[in-house]
């Protein structure tokens, strides 16, 4: 199971005017340099953004879960990396491919989000005993709104990065026209207080749901594109579908401590071909946004 903390929710994110928040690492987890004046003062996290040197070492955080290794910064600008099966080696990044080995996310400030079209993350050492990681990264980053020019990240370095280890228990199952769907990859992003979650399986299918971050237990009617409660689906060929308004419900049974649990069912119609629909039923999920 992978939890892609760095959003590959391009389809959902691209239709929402956004102020971007990457799902945060817990500041208490990581003792790297600059975090409240303590910890590992030798941590280095730097990169050249369009040729300009940027030093994020004072705000770097890192953690490892069963879903991989994540290192990133707080605030704006924000830069974050995730490697899903961390080990010494090189990993290609591609936000459109659920089988990619790593992802990079960059935000230059409010109303900014860039995801990778190409790039590489290289782990040069991964000390599981002392929980220290070193490596490099680079990537070509595209604005999800398609408005601003690409951003080029070069000479990225993470060095002497101390990480902590945490666990999660995300899950999602559903029926797609009666066929079983079981997620093993999880991604999330918060945009303008809207939480978008993508559940993906080994066949490269995705179910996406979107709802307010401050949602409370209750039953909510599914809406269409531009709504507050949205569902989406991407099939194995990369064809995208969007929820049909009033075709089903999202039921939140628990939302305590940013751990969301509930059920869903709705119909999705192919974008550009609304006569082609898929009925999603018996959806259940648990997702920990912490």
C-alpha atoms as a PDB file:
ATOM      1  CA  UNK A   1       0.000   0.000   0.000  1.00  0.00           C
ATOM      2  CA  UNK A   2       1.268   3.467  -0.915  1.00  0.00           C
ATOM      3  CA  UNK A   3       0.037   6.773   0.369  1.00  0.00           C
ATOM      4  CA  UNK A   4       1.048   9.393  -2.135  1.00  0.00           C
ATOM      5  CA  UNK A   5       1.248  12.389   0.103  1.00  0.00           C
ATOM      6  CA  UNK A   6       2.377  14.496  -2.828  1.00  0.00           C
ATOM      7  CA  UNK A   7      -0.711  14.955  -4.929  1.00  0.00           C
ATOM      8  CA  UNK A   8      -1.024  13.279  -8.225  1.00  0.00           C
ATOM      9  CA  UNK A   9      -4.619  14.502  -8.089  1.00  0.00           C
ATOM     10  CA  UNK A  10      -4.047  16.511 -11.244  1.00  0.00           C
ATOM     11  CA  UNK A  11      -7.549  15.990 -12.558  1.00  0.00           C
ATOM     12  CA  UNK A  12      -9.276  17.210  -9.421  1.00  0.00           C
ATOM     13  CA  UNK A  13      -6.780  19.951  -8.655  1.00  0.00           C
ATOM     14  CA  UNK A  14      -6.825  21.360 -12.186  1.00  0.00           C
ATOM     15  CA  UNK A  15     -10.493  22.332 -11.973  1.00  0.00           C
ATOM     16  CA  UNK A  16     -10.248  24.250  -8.707  1.00  0.00           C
ATOM     17  CA  UNK A  17      -8.802  27.728  -8.338  1.00  0.00           C
ATOM     18  CA  UNK A  18      -6.397  27.061  -5.552  1.00  0.00           C
ATOM     19  CA  UNK A  19      -4.389  28.197  -2.628  1.00  0.00           C
ATOM     20  CA  UNK A  20      -2.233  25.157  -2.098  1.00  0.00           C
ATOM     21  CA  UNK A  21      -1.396  23.292   1.073  1.00  0.00           C
ATOM     22  CA  UNK A  22       0.625  20.113   0.833  1.00  0.00           C
ATOM     23  CA  UNK A  23      -0.538  17.519   3.317  1.00  0.00           C
ATOM     24  CA  UNK A  24       1.745  18.441   6.217  1.00  0.00           C
ATOM     25  CA  UNK A  25       4.297  16.334   7.925  1.00  0.00           C
ATOM     26  CA  UNK A  26       3.984  16.487  11.683  1.00  0.00           C
ATOM     27  CA  UNK A  27       6.481  19.165  12.837  1.00  0.00           C
ATOM     28  CA  UNK A  28       7.056  17.162  15.993  1.00  0.00           C
ATOM     29  CA  UNK A  29       8.300  14.170  14.059  1.00  0.00           C
ATOM     30  CA  UNK A  30      11.510  15.481  12.644  1.00  0.00           C
ATOM     31  CA  UNK A  31      14.614  16.797  14.404  1.00  0.00           C
ATOM     32  CA  UNK A  32      16.231  18.481  11.383  1.00  0.00           C
ATOM     33  CA  UNK A  33      17.958  21.828  11.433  1.00  0.00           C
ATOM     34  CA  UNK A  34      15.976  24.951  12.171  1.00  0.00           C
ATOM     35  CA  UNK A  35      12.902  23.214  13.594  1.00  0.00           C
ATOM     36  CA  UNK A  36      12.316  25.219  16.746  1.00  0.00           C
ATOM     37  CA  UNK A  37      16.027  25.739  17.152  1.00  0.00           C
ATOM     38  CA  UNK A  38      16.934  22.127  17.867  1.00  0.00           C
ATOM     39  CA  UNK A  39      17.849  18.843  16.297  1.00  0.00           C
ATOM     40  CA  UNK A  40      20.061  18.137  13.315  1.00  0.00           C
ATOM     41  CA  UNK A  41      21.667  21.429  12.362  1.00  0.00           C
ATOM     42  CA  UNK A  42      23.629  19.699   9.567  1.00  0.00           C
ATOM     43  CA  UNK A  43      20.546  18.899   7.492  1.00  0.00           C
ATOM     44  CA  UNK A  44      20.675  20.286   3.937  1.00  0.00           C
ATOM     45  CA  UNK A  45      17.726  20.678   1.566  1.00  0.00           C
ATOM     46  CA  UNK A  46      18.510  22.929  -1.402  1.00  0.00           C
ATOM     47  CA  UNK A  47      17.657  23.275  -5.085  1.00  0.00           C
ATOM     48  CA  UNK A  48      17.941  25.645  -8.017  1.00  0.00           C
ATOM     49  CA  UNK A  49      14.510  26.806  -9.198  1.00  0.00           C
ATOM     50  CA  UNK A  50      14.768  28.188 -12.736  1.00  0.00           C
ATOM     51  CA  UNK A  51      18.455  28.745 -12.080  1.00  0.00           C
ATOM     52  CA  UNK A  52      18.008  30.526  -8.742  1.00  0.00           C
ATOM     53  CA  UNK A  53      19.506  28.863  -5.668  1.00  0.00           C
ATOM     54  CA  UNK A  54      17.043  28.180  -2.851  1.00  0.00           C
ATOM     55  CA  UNK A  55      17.940  26.917   0.615  1.00  0.00           C
ATOM     56  CA  UNK A  56      15.082  25.189   2.464  1.00  0.00           C
ATOM     57  CA  UNK A  57      17.279  23.605   5.134  1.00  0.00           C
ATOM     58  CA  UNK A  58      15.801  25.592   8.014  1.00  0.00           C
ATOM     59  CA  UNK A  59      12.274  24.270   7.391  1.00  0.00           C
ATOM     60  CA  UNK A  60      12.921  20.731   6.168  1.00  0.00           C
ATOM     61  CA  UNK A  61      10.943  17.818   7.626  1.00  0.00           C
ATOM     62  CA  UNK A  62      10.972  14.111   6.794  1.00  0.00           C
ATOM     63  CA  UNK A  63       9.207  10.883   7.665  1.00  0.00           C
ATOM     64  CA  UNK A  64       8.885   7.289   6.551  1.00  0.00           C
ATOM     65  CA  UNK A  65       5.619   5.369   6.546  1.00  0.00           C
ATOM     66  CA  UNK A  66       4.660   2.049   5.000  1.00  0.00           C
ATOM     67  CA  UNK A  67       3.967   4.205   1.954  1.00  0.00           C
ATOM     68  CA  UNK A  68       7.486   5.534   1.495  1.00  0.00           C
ATOM     69  CA  UNK A  69       9.917   8.302   2.392  1.00  0.00           C
ATOM     70  CA  UNK A  70       8.838  11.946   2.243  1.00  0.00           C
ATOM     71  CA  UNK A  71      11.023  15.035   2.658  1.00  0.00           C
ATOM     72  CA  UNK A  72       9.706  18.566   2.305  1.00  0.00           C
ATOM     73  CA  UNK A  73       9.400  22.108   3.580  1.00  0.00           C
ATOM     74  CA  UNK A  74       6.757  24.118   5.390  1.00  0.00           C
ATOM     75  CA  UNK A  75       5.169  27.370   4.262  1.00  0.00           C
ATOM     76  CA  UNK A  76       5.508  29.187   0.962  1.00  0.00           C
ATOM     77  CA  UNK A  77       7.384  28.493  -1.188  1.00  0.00           C
ATOM     78  CA  UNK A  78       7.012  24.767  -0.657  1.00  0.00           C
ATOM     79  CA  UNK A  79       9.038  21.909  -2.110  1.00  0.00           C
ATOM     80  CA  UNK A  80       8.452  18.251  -1.318  1.00  0.00           C
ATOM     81  CA  UNK A  81       9.577  14.831  -2.544  1.00  0.00           C
ATOM     82  CA  UNK A  82       8.260  11.330  -1.965  1.00  0.00           C
ATOM     83  CA  UNK A  83       9.920   8.009  -2.839  1.00  0.00           C
ATOM     84  CA  UNK A  84       7.488   5.148  -2.497  1.00  0.00           C
ATOM     85  CA  UNK A  85       9.916   2.282  -1.924  1.00  0.00           C
ATOM     86  CA  UNK A  86      12.979   4.014  -0.498  1.00  0.00           C
ATOM     87  CA  UNK A  87      16.365   2.415  -1.121  1.00  0.00           C
ATOM     88  CA  UNK A  88      19.637   3.424  -2.714  1.00  0.00           C
ATOM     89  CA  UNK A  89      18.941   4.030  -6.398  1.00  0.00           C
ATOM     90  CA  UNK A  90      17.323   6.376  -8.921  1.00  0.00           C
ATOM     91  CA  UNK A  91      13.568   6.824  -9.343  1.00  0.00           C
ATOM     92  CA  UNK A  92      11.736   8.499 -12.216  1.00  0.00           C
ATOM     93  CA  UNK A  93       9.030  11.029 -11.395  1.00  0.00           C
ATOM     94  CA  UNK A  94       5.837  11.471 -13.403  1.00  0.00           C
ATOM     95  CA  UNK A  95       2.645  12.793 -11.818  1.00  0.00           C
ATOM     96  CA  UNK A  96       0.494  11.185 -14.525  1.00  0.00           C
ATOM     97  CA  UNK A  97       1.743   7.654 -13.857  1.00  0.00           C
ATOM     98  CA  UNK A  98       0.604   5.814 -10.738  1.00  0.00           C
ATOM     99  CA  UNK A  99       3.490   3.374 -11.177  1.00  0.00           C
ATOM    100  CA  UNK A 100       6.128   6.081 -10.926  1.00  0.00           C
ATOM    101  CA  UNK A 101       8.791   5.510  -8.289  1.00  0.00           C
ATOM    102  CA  UNK A 102       8.721   9.017  -6.847  1.00  0.00           C
ATOM    103  CA  UNK A 103       7.005  12.388  -7.024  1.00  0.00           C
ATOM    104  CA  UNK A 104       8.010  16.028  -6.615  1.00  0.00           C
ATOM    105  CA  UNK A 105       5.648  18.877  -5.737  1.00  0.00           C
ATOM    106  CA  UNK A 106       6.454  22.585  -5.849  1.00  0.00           C
ATOM    107  CA  UNK A 107       4.476  25.673  -4.888  1.00  0.00           C
ATOM    108  CA  UNK A 108       5.892  29.179  -5.257  1.00  0.00           C
ATOM    109  CA  UNK A 109       3.184  30.647  -3.037  1.00  0.00           C
ATOM    110  CA  UNK A 110      -0.595  31.110  -2.840  1.00  0.00           C
ATOM    111  CA  UNK A 111      -2.458  30.123  -6.022  1.00  0.00           C
ATOM    112  CA  UNK A 112       0.503  28.067  -7.200  1.00  0.00           C
ATOM    113  CA  UNK A 113       0.968  24.335  -7.708  1.00  0.00           C
ATOM    114  CA  UNK A 114       3.406  22.533  -9.990  1.00  0.00           C
ATOM    115  CA  UNK A 115       3.598  18.787 -10.588  1.00  0.00           C
ATOM    116  CA  UNK A 116       6.307  16.886 -12.468  1.00  0.00           C
ATOM    117  CA  UNK A 117       6.192  15.897 -16.109  1.00  0.00           C
ATOM    118  CA  UNK A 118       9.657  14.373 -15.878  1.00  0.00           C
ATOM    119  CA  UNK A 119      12.555  14.127 -13.490  1.00  0.00           C
ATOM    120  CA  UNK A 120      14.576  11.924 -11.207  1.00  0.00           C
ATOM    121  CA  UNK A 121      15.029  11.433  -7.481  1.00  0.00           C
ATOM    122  CA  UNK A 122      18.224   9.606  -6.509  1.00  0.00           C
ATOM    123  CA  UNK A 123      18.827   8.230  -3.031  1.00  0.00           C
ATOM    124  CA  UNK A 124      22.579   7.939  -2.491  1.00  0.00           C
ATOM    125  CA  UNK A 125      22.320   6.531   1.035  1.00  0.00           C
ATOM    126  CA  UNK A 126      19.431   5.373   3.214  1.00  0.00           C
ATOM    127  CA  UNK A 127      20.488   4.485   6.743  1.00  0.00           C
ATOM    128  CA  UNK A 128      17.575   2.632   8.326  1.00  0.00           C
ATOM    129  CA  UNK A 129      19.461   2.192  11.607  1.00  0.00           C
ATOM    130  CA  UNK A 130      20.122   5.863  12.256  1.00  0.00           C
ATOM    131  CA  UNK A 131      17.212   6.994  10.056  1.00  0.00           C
ATOM    132  CA  UNK A 132      19.212   9.365   7.884  1.00  0.00           C
ATOM    133  CA  UNK A 133      18.761   9.881   4.133  1.00  0.00           C
ATOM    134  CA  UNK A 134      20.891  11.533   1.453  1.00  0.00           C
ATOM    135  CA  UNK A 135      20.264  12.124  -2.218  1.00  0.00           C
ATOM    136  CA  UNK A 136      19.632  14.401  -5.174  1.00  0.00           C
ATOM    137  CA  UNK A 137      16.684  15.365  -7.363  1.00  0.00           C
ATOM    138  CA  UNK A 138      15.674  17.293 -10.474  1.00  0.00           C
ATOM    139  CA  UNK A 139      12.506  17.748 -12.470  1.00  0.00           C
ATOM    140  CA  UNK A 140      10.484  19.642 -15.026  1.00  0.00           C
ATOM    141  CA  UNK A 141       7.415  20.975 -13.222  1.00  0.00           C
ATOM    142  CA  UNK A 142       4.175  22.029 -14.913  1.00  0.00           C
ATOM    143  CA  UNK A 143       1.552  24.447 -13.591  1.00  0.00           C
ATOM    144  CA  UNK A 144      -1.603  22.393 -13.018  1.00  0.00           C
ATOM    145  CA  UNK A 145      -3.717  25.294 -14.290  1.00  0.00           C
ATOM    146  CA  UNK A 146      -1.757  25.319 -17.540  1.00  0.00           C
ATOM    147  CA  UNK A 147      -1.261  29.075 -17.296  1.00  0.00           C
ATOM    148  CA  UNK A 148       2.275  29.683 -16.078  1.00  0.00           C
ATOM    149  CA  UNK A 149       5.390  28.363 -17.837  1.00  0.00           C
ATOM    150  CA  UNK A 150       7.171  25.247 -16.647  1.00  0.00           C
ATOM    151  CA  UNK A 151       9.509  25.486 -13.673  1.00  0.00           C
ATOM    152  CA  UNK A 152      12.846  23.705 -13.944  1.00  0.00           C
ATOM    153  CA  UNK A 153      14.317  22.243 -10.757  1.00  0.00           C
ATOM    154  CA  UNK A 154      18.017  21.355 -10.937  1.00  0.00           C
ATOM    155  CA  UNK A 155      20.828  20.483  -8.542  1.00  0.00           C
ATOM    156  CA  UNK A 156      18.418  19.458  -5.806  1.00  0.00           C
ATOM    157  CA  UNK A 157      20.121  18.045  -2.718  1.00  0.00           C
ATOM    158  CA  UNK A 158      18.855  16.452   0.482  1.00  0.00           C
ATOM    159  CA  UNK A 159      21.704  15.608   2.816  1.00  0.00           C
ATOM    160  CA  UNK A 160      21.905  14.370   6.389  1.00  0.00           C
ATOM    161  CA  UNK A 161      18.098  14.355   6.574  1.00  0.00           C
ATOM    162  CA  UNK A 162      16.852  12.693   9.745  1.00  0.00           C
ATOM    163  CA  UNK A 163      13.458  11.038   9.412  1.00  0.00           C
ATOM    164  CA  UNK A 164      11.021   9.466  11.834  1.00  0.00           C
ATOM    165  CA  UNK A 165       8.797   6.451  11.210  1.00  0.00           C
ATOM    166  CA  UNK A 166       5.008   6.582  11.427  1.00  0.00           C
ATOM    167  CA  UNK A 167       2.174   4.261  10.464  1.00  0.00           C
ATOM    168  CA  UNK A 168      -1.228   4.720   8.822  1.00  0.00           C
ATOM    169  CA  UNK A 169      -4.223   2.541   8.034  1.00  0.00           C
ATOM    170  CA  UNK A 170      -5.771   3.905   4.834  1.00  0.00           C
ATOM    171  CA  UNK A 171      -8.122   1.721   2.831  1.00  0.00           C
ATOM    172  CA  UNK A 172     -10.767   1.937   0.117  1.00  0.00           C
ATOM    173  CA  UNK A 173     -12.970  -0.602  -1.654  1.00  0.00           C
ATOM    174  CA  UNK A 174     -15.828  -0.215  -4.135  1.00  0.00           C
ATOM    175  CA  UNK A 175     -17.661  -1.875  -7.011  1.00  0.00           C
ATOM    176  CA  UNK A 176     -17.250  -0.433 -10.519  1.00  0.00           C
ATOM    177  CA  UNK A 177     -20.208  -1.642 -12.573  1.00  0.00           C
ATOM    178  CA  UNK A 178     -20.154  -4.603 -10.201  1.00  0.00           C
ATOM    179  CA  UNK A 179     -16.404  -5.258 -10.509  1.00  0.00           C
ATOM    180  CA  UNK A 180     -14.273  -5.222  -7.370  1.00  0.00           C
ATOM    181  CA  UNK A 181     -11.945  -2.258  -6.786  1.00  0.00           C
ATOM    182  CA  UNK A 182      -9.399  -2.344  -3.946  1.00  0.00           C
ATOM    183  CA  UNK A 183      -7.027   0.598  -3.528  1.00  0.00           C
ATOM    184  CA  UNK A 184      -3.366   0.203  -2.695  1.00  0.00           C
ATOM    185  CA  UNK A 185      -2.175   3.753  -3.472  1.00  0.00           C
ATOM    186  CA  UNK A 186      -3.462   6.828  -1.654  1.00  0.00           C
ATOM    187  CA  UNK A 187      -2.942  10.523  -2.415  1.00  0.00           C
ATOM    188  CA  UNK A 188      -4.341  13.745  -1.022  1.00  0.00           C
ATOM    189  CA  UNK A 189      -4.206  17.519  -1.312  1.00  0.00           C
ATOM    190  CA  UNK A 190      -5.944  20.451   0.339  1.00  0.00           C
ATOM    191  CA  UNK A 191      -7.001  23.389  -1.807  1.00  0.00           C
ATOM    192  CA  UNK A 192      -9.054  26.286  -0.430  1.00  0.00           C
ATOM    193  CA  UNK A 193     -10.132  24.077   2.487  1.00  0.00           C
ATOM    194  CA  UNK A 194     -11.270  21.370   0.057  1.00  0.00           C
ATOM    195  CA  UNK A 195      -9.719  17.934   0.603  1.00  0.00           C
ATOM    196  CA  UNK A 196      -9.155  15.829  -2.496  1.00  0.00           C
ATOM    197  CA  UNK A 197      -8.333  12.141  -2.051  1.00  0.00           C
ATOM    198  CA  UNK A 198      -7.337   9.707  -4.801  1.00  0.00           C
ATOM    199  CA  UNK A 199      -7.632   5.957  -4.314  1.00  0.00           C
ATOM    200  CA  UNK A 200      -5.734   3.921  -6.927  1.00  0.00           C
ATOM    201  CA  UNK A 201      -5.230   0.229  -7.593  1.00  0.00           C
ATOM    202  CA  UNK A 202      -2.606  -1.902  -9.299  1.00  0.00           C
ATOM    203  CA  UNK A 203      -4.515  -1.669 -12.606  1.00  0.00           C
ATOM    204  CA  UNK A 204      -3.908   2.097 -12.698  1.00  0.00           C
ATOM    205  CA  UNK A 205      -7.566   2.865 -11.975  1.00  0.00           C
ATOM    206  CA  UNK A 206      -8.405   5.796  -9.699  1.00  0.00           C
ATOM    207  CA  UNK A 207     -11.452   6.820  -7.712  1.00  0.00           C
ATOM    208  CA  UNK A 208     -11.312  10.413  -6.475  1.00  0.00           C
ATOM    209  CA  UNK A 209     -13.553  12.113  -3.936  1.00  0.00           C
ATOM    210  CA  UNK A 210     -13.557  15.747  -2.848  1.00  0.00           C
ATOM    211  CA  UNK A 211     -15.171  17.359   0.183  1.00  0.00           C
ATOM    212  CA  UNK A 212     -14.485  20.171   2.699  1.00  0.00           C
ATOM    213  CA  UNK A 213     -11.621  19.566   5.105  1.00  0.00           C
ATOM    214  CA  UNK A 214     -13.871  20.561   8.014  1.00  0.00           C
ATOM    215  CA  UNK A 215     -16.649  18.145   7.024  1.00  0.00           C
ATOM    216  CA  UNK A 216     -18.724  16.661   9.838  1.00  0.00           C
ATOM    217  CA  UNK A 217     -20.514  13.305   9.950  1.00  0.00           C
ATOM    218  CA  UNK A 218     -23.564  13.313   7.737  1.00  0.00           C
ATOM    219  CA  UNK A 219     -24.935  12.505   4.295  1.00  0.00           C
ATOM    220  CA  UNK A 220     -24.058  14.716   1.328  1.00  0.00           C
ATOM    221  CA  UNK A 221     -25.455  14.679  -2.198  1.00  0.00           C
ATOM    222  CA  UNK A 222     -22.881  14.127  -4.920  1.00  0.00           C
ATOM    223  CA  UNK A 223     -22.429  17.124  -7.234  1.00  0.00           C
ATOM    224  CA  UNK A 224     -20.838  17.662 -10.621  1.00  0.00           C
ATOM    225  CA  UNK A 225     -17.770  19.551 -11.773  1.00  0.00           C
ATOM    226  CA  UNK A 226     -17.278  22.730  -9.749  1.00  0.00           C
ATOM    227  CA  UNK A 227     -19.312  21.453  -6.820  1.00  0.00           C
ATOM    228  CA  UNK A 228     -18.280  20.857  -3.228  1.00  0.00           C
ATOM    229  CA  UNK A 229     -18.893  17.097  -3.083  1.00  0.00           C
ATOM    230  CA  UNK A 230     -17.407  15.589  -6.230  1.00  0.00           C
ATOM    231  CA  UNK A 231     -16.442  12.136  -7.405  1.00  0.00           C
ATOM    232  CA  UNK A 232     -14.150  11.232 -10.296  1.00  0.00           C
ATOM    233  CA  UNK A 233     -12.874   8.069 -11.905  1.00  0.00           C
ATOM    234  CA  UNK A 234      -9.981   7.304 -14.252  1.00  0.00           C
ATOM    235  CA  UNK A 235      -9.961   3.980 -16.076  1.00  0.00           C
ATOM    236  CA  UNK A 236      -7.002   1.780 -17.009  1.00  0.00           C
ATOM    237  CA  UNK A 237      -6.576   3.657 -20.301  1.00  0.00           C
ATOM    238  CA  UNK A 238      -6.411   7.056 -18.632  1.00  0.00           C
ATOM    239  CA  UNK A 239      -9.948   8.059 -19.652  1.00  0.00           C
ATOM    240  CA  UNK A 240     -11.478  10.462 -17.135  1.00  0.00           C
ATOM    241  CA  UNK A 241     -15.014  10.483 -15.758  1.00  0.00           C
ATOM    242  CA  UNK A 242     -16.784  13.042 -13.539  1.00  0.00           C
ATOM    243  CA  UNK A 243     -19.676  12.502 -11.148  1.00  0.00           C
ATOM    244  CA  UNK A 244     -23.218  13.066 -12.380  1.00  0.00           C
ATOM    245  CA  UNK A 245     -25.017  15.567 -10.102  1.00  0.00           C
ATOM    246  CA  UNK A 246     -27.477  13.990  -7.648  1.00  0.00           C
ATOM    247  CA  UNK A 247     -26.474  10.483  -8.766  1.00  0.00           C
ATOM    248  CA  UNK A 248     -25.515   9.326  -5.298  1.00  0.00           C
ATOM    249  CA  UNK A 249     -24.284  10.213  -1.849  1.00  0.00           C
ATOM    250  CA  UNK A 250     -21.155  10.635   0.214  1.00  0.00           C
ATOM    251  CA  UNK A 251     -21.714   9.531   3.801  1.00  0.00           C
ATOM    252  CA  UNK A 252     -19.166  10.604   6.419  1.00  0.00           C
ATOM    253  CA  UNK A 253     -19.408   8.424   9.509  1.00  0.00           C
ATOM    254  CA  UNK A 254     -16.380   9.896  11.302  1.00  0.00           C
ATOM    255  CA  UNK A 255     -14.060  12.874  10.804  1.00  0.00           C
ATOM    256  CA  UNK A 256     -12.309  13.121  14.163  1.00  0.00           C
ATOM    257  CA  UNK A 257      -8.669  14.226  14.216  1.00  0.00           C
ATOM    258  CA  UNK A 258      -8.553  14.458  10.398  1.00  0.00           C
ATOM    259  CA  UNK A 259      -9.184  10.720  10.088  1.00  0.00           C
ATOM    260  CA  UNK A 260     -12.043  10.413   7.619  1.00  0.00           C
ATOM    261  CA  UNK A 261     -14.249   7.344   7.402  1.00  0.00           C
ATOM    262  CA  UNK A 262     -17.324   6.835   5.301  1.00  0.00           C
ATOM    263  CA  UNK A 263     -19.107   5.366   2.311  1.00  0.00           C
ATOM    264  CA  UNK A 264     -19.951   6.556  -1.181  1.00  0.00           C
ATOM    265  CA  UNK A 265     -21.890   5.678  -4.290  1.00  0.00           C
ATOM    266  CA  UNK A 266     -22.379   7.691  -7.462  1.00  0.00           C
ATOM    267  CA  UNK A 267     -22.455   7.522 -11.236  1.00  0.00           C
ATOM    268  CA  UNK A 268     -19.653   9.009 -13.330  1.00  0.00           C
ATOM    269  CA  UNK A 269     -19.891  10.068 -16.981  1.00  0.00           C
ATOM    270  CA  UNK A 270     -16.970  10.130 -19.390  1.00  0.00           C
ATOM    271  CA  UNK A 271     -15.644  13.656 -19.914  1.00  0.00           C
ATOM    272  CA  UNK A 272     -16.710  14.707 -23.408  1.00  0.00           C
ATOM    273  CA  UNK A 273     -18.873  11.610 -23.873  1.00  0.00           C
ATOM    274  CA  UNK A 274     -21.596  11.802 -21.207  1.00  0.00           C
ATOM    275  CA  UNK A 275     -23.522   8.833 -22.609  1.00  0.00           C
ATOM    276  CA  UNK A 276     -20.747   6.533 -21.393  1.00  0.00           C
ATOM    277  CA  UNK A 277     -21.304   6.050 -17.671  1.00  0.00           C
ATOM    278  CA  UNK A 278     -19.957   3.850 -14.894  1.00  0.00           C
ATOM    279  CA  UNK A 279     -21.880   3.157 -11.703  1.00  0.00           C
ATOM    280  CA  UNK A 280     -19.786   3.112  -8.529  1.00  0.00           C
ATOM    281  CA  UNK A 281     -21.450   1.351  -5.596  1.00  0.00           C
ATOM    282  CA  UNK A 282     -20.578  -0.093  -2.172  1.00  0.00           C
ATOM    283  CA  UNK A 283     -17.722   2.368  -1.720  1.00  0.00           C
ATOM    284  CA  UNK A 284     -16.070   2.400   1.701  1.00  0.00           C
ATOM    285  CA  UNK A 285     -12.971   4.259   2.850  1.00  0.00           C
ATOM    286  CA  UNK A 286     -10.776   5.245   5.765  1.00  0.00           C
ATOM    287  CA  UNK A 287      -8.176   7.960   5.217  1.00  0.00           C
ATOM    288  CA  UNK A 288      -5.785   9.528   7.718  1.00  0.00           C
ATOM    289  CA  UNK A 289      -4.850  13.049   6.594  1.00  0.00           C
ATOM    290  CA  UNK A 290      -2.405  13.593   9.451  1.00  0.00           C
END
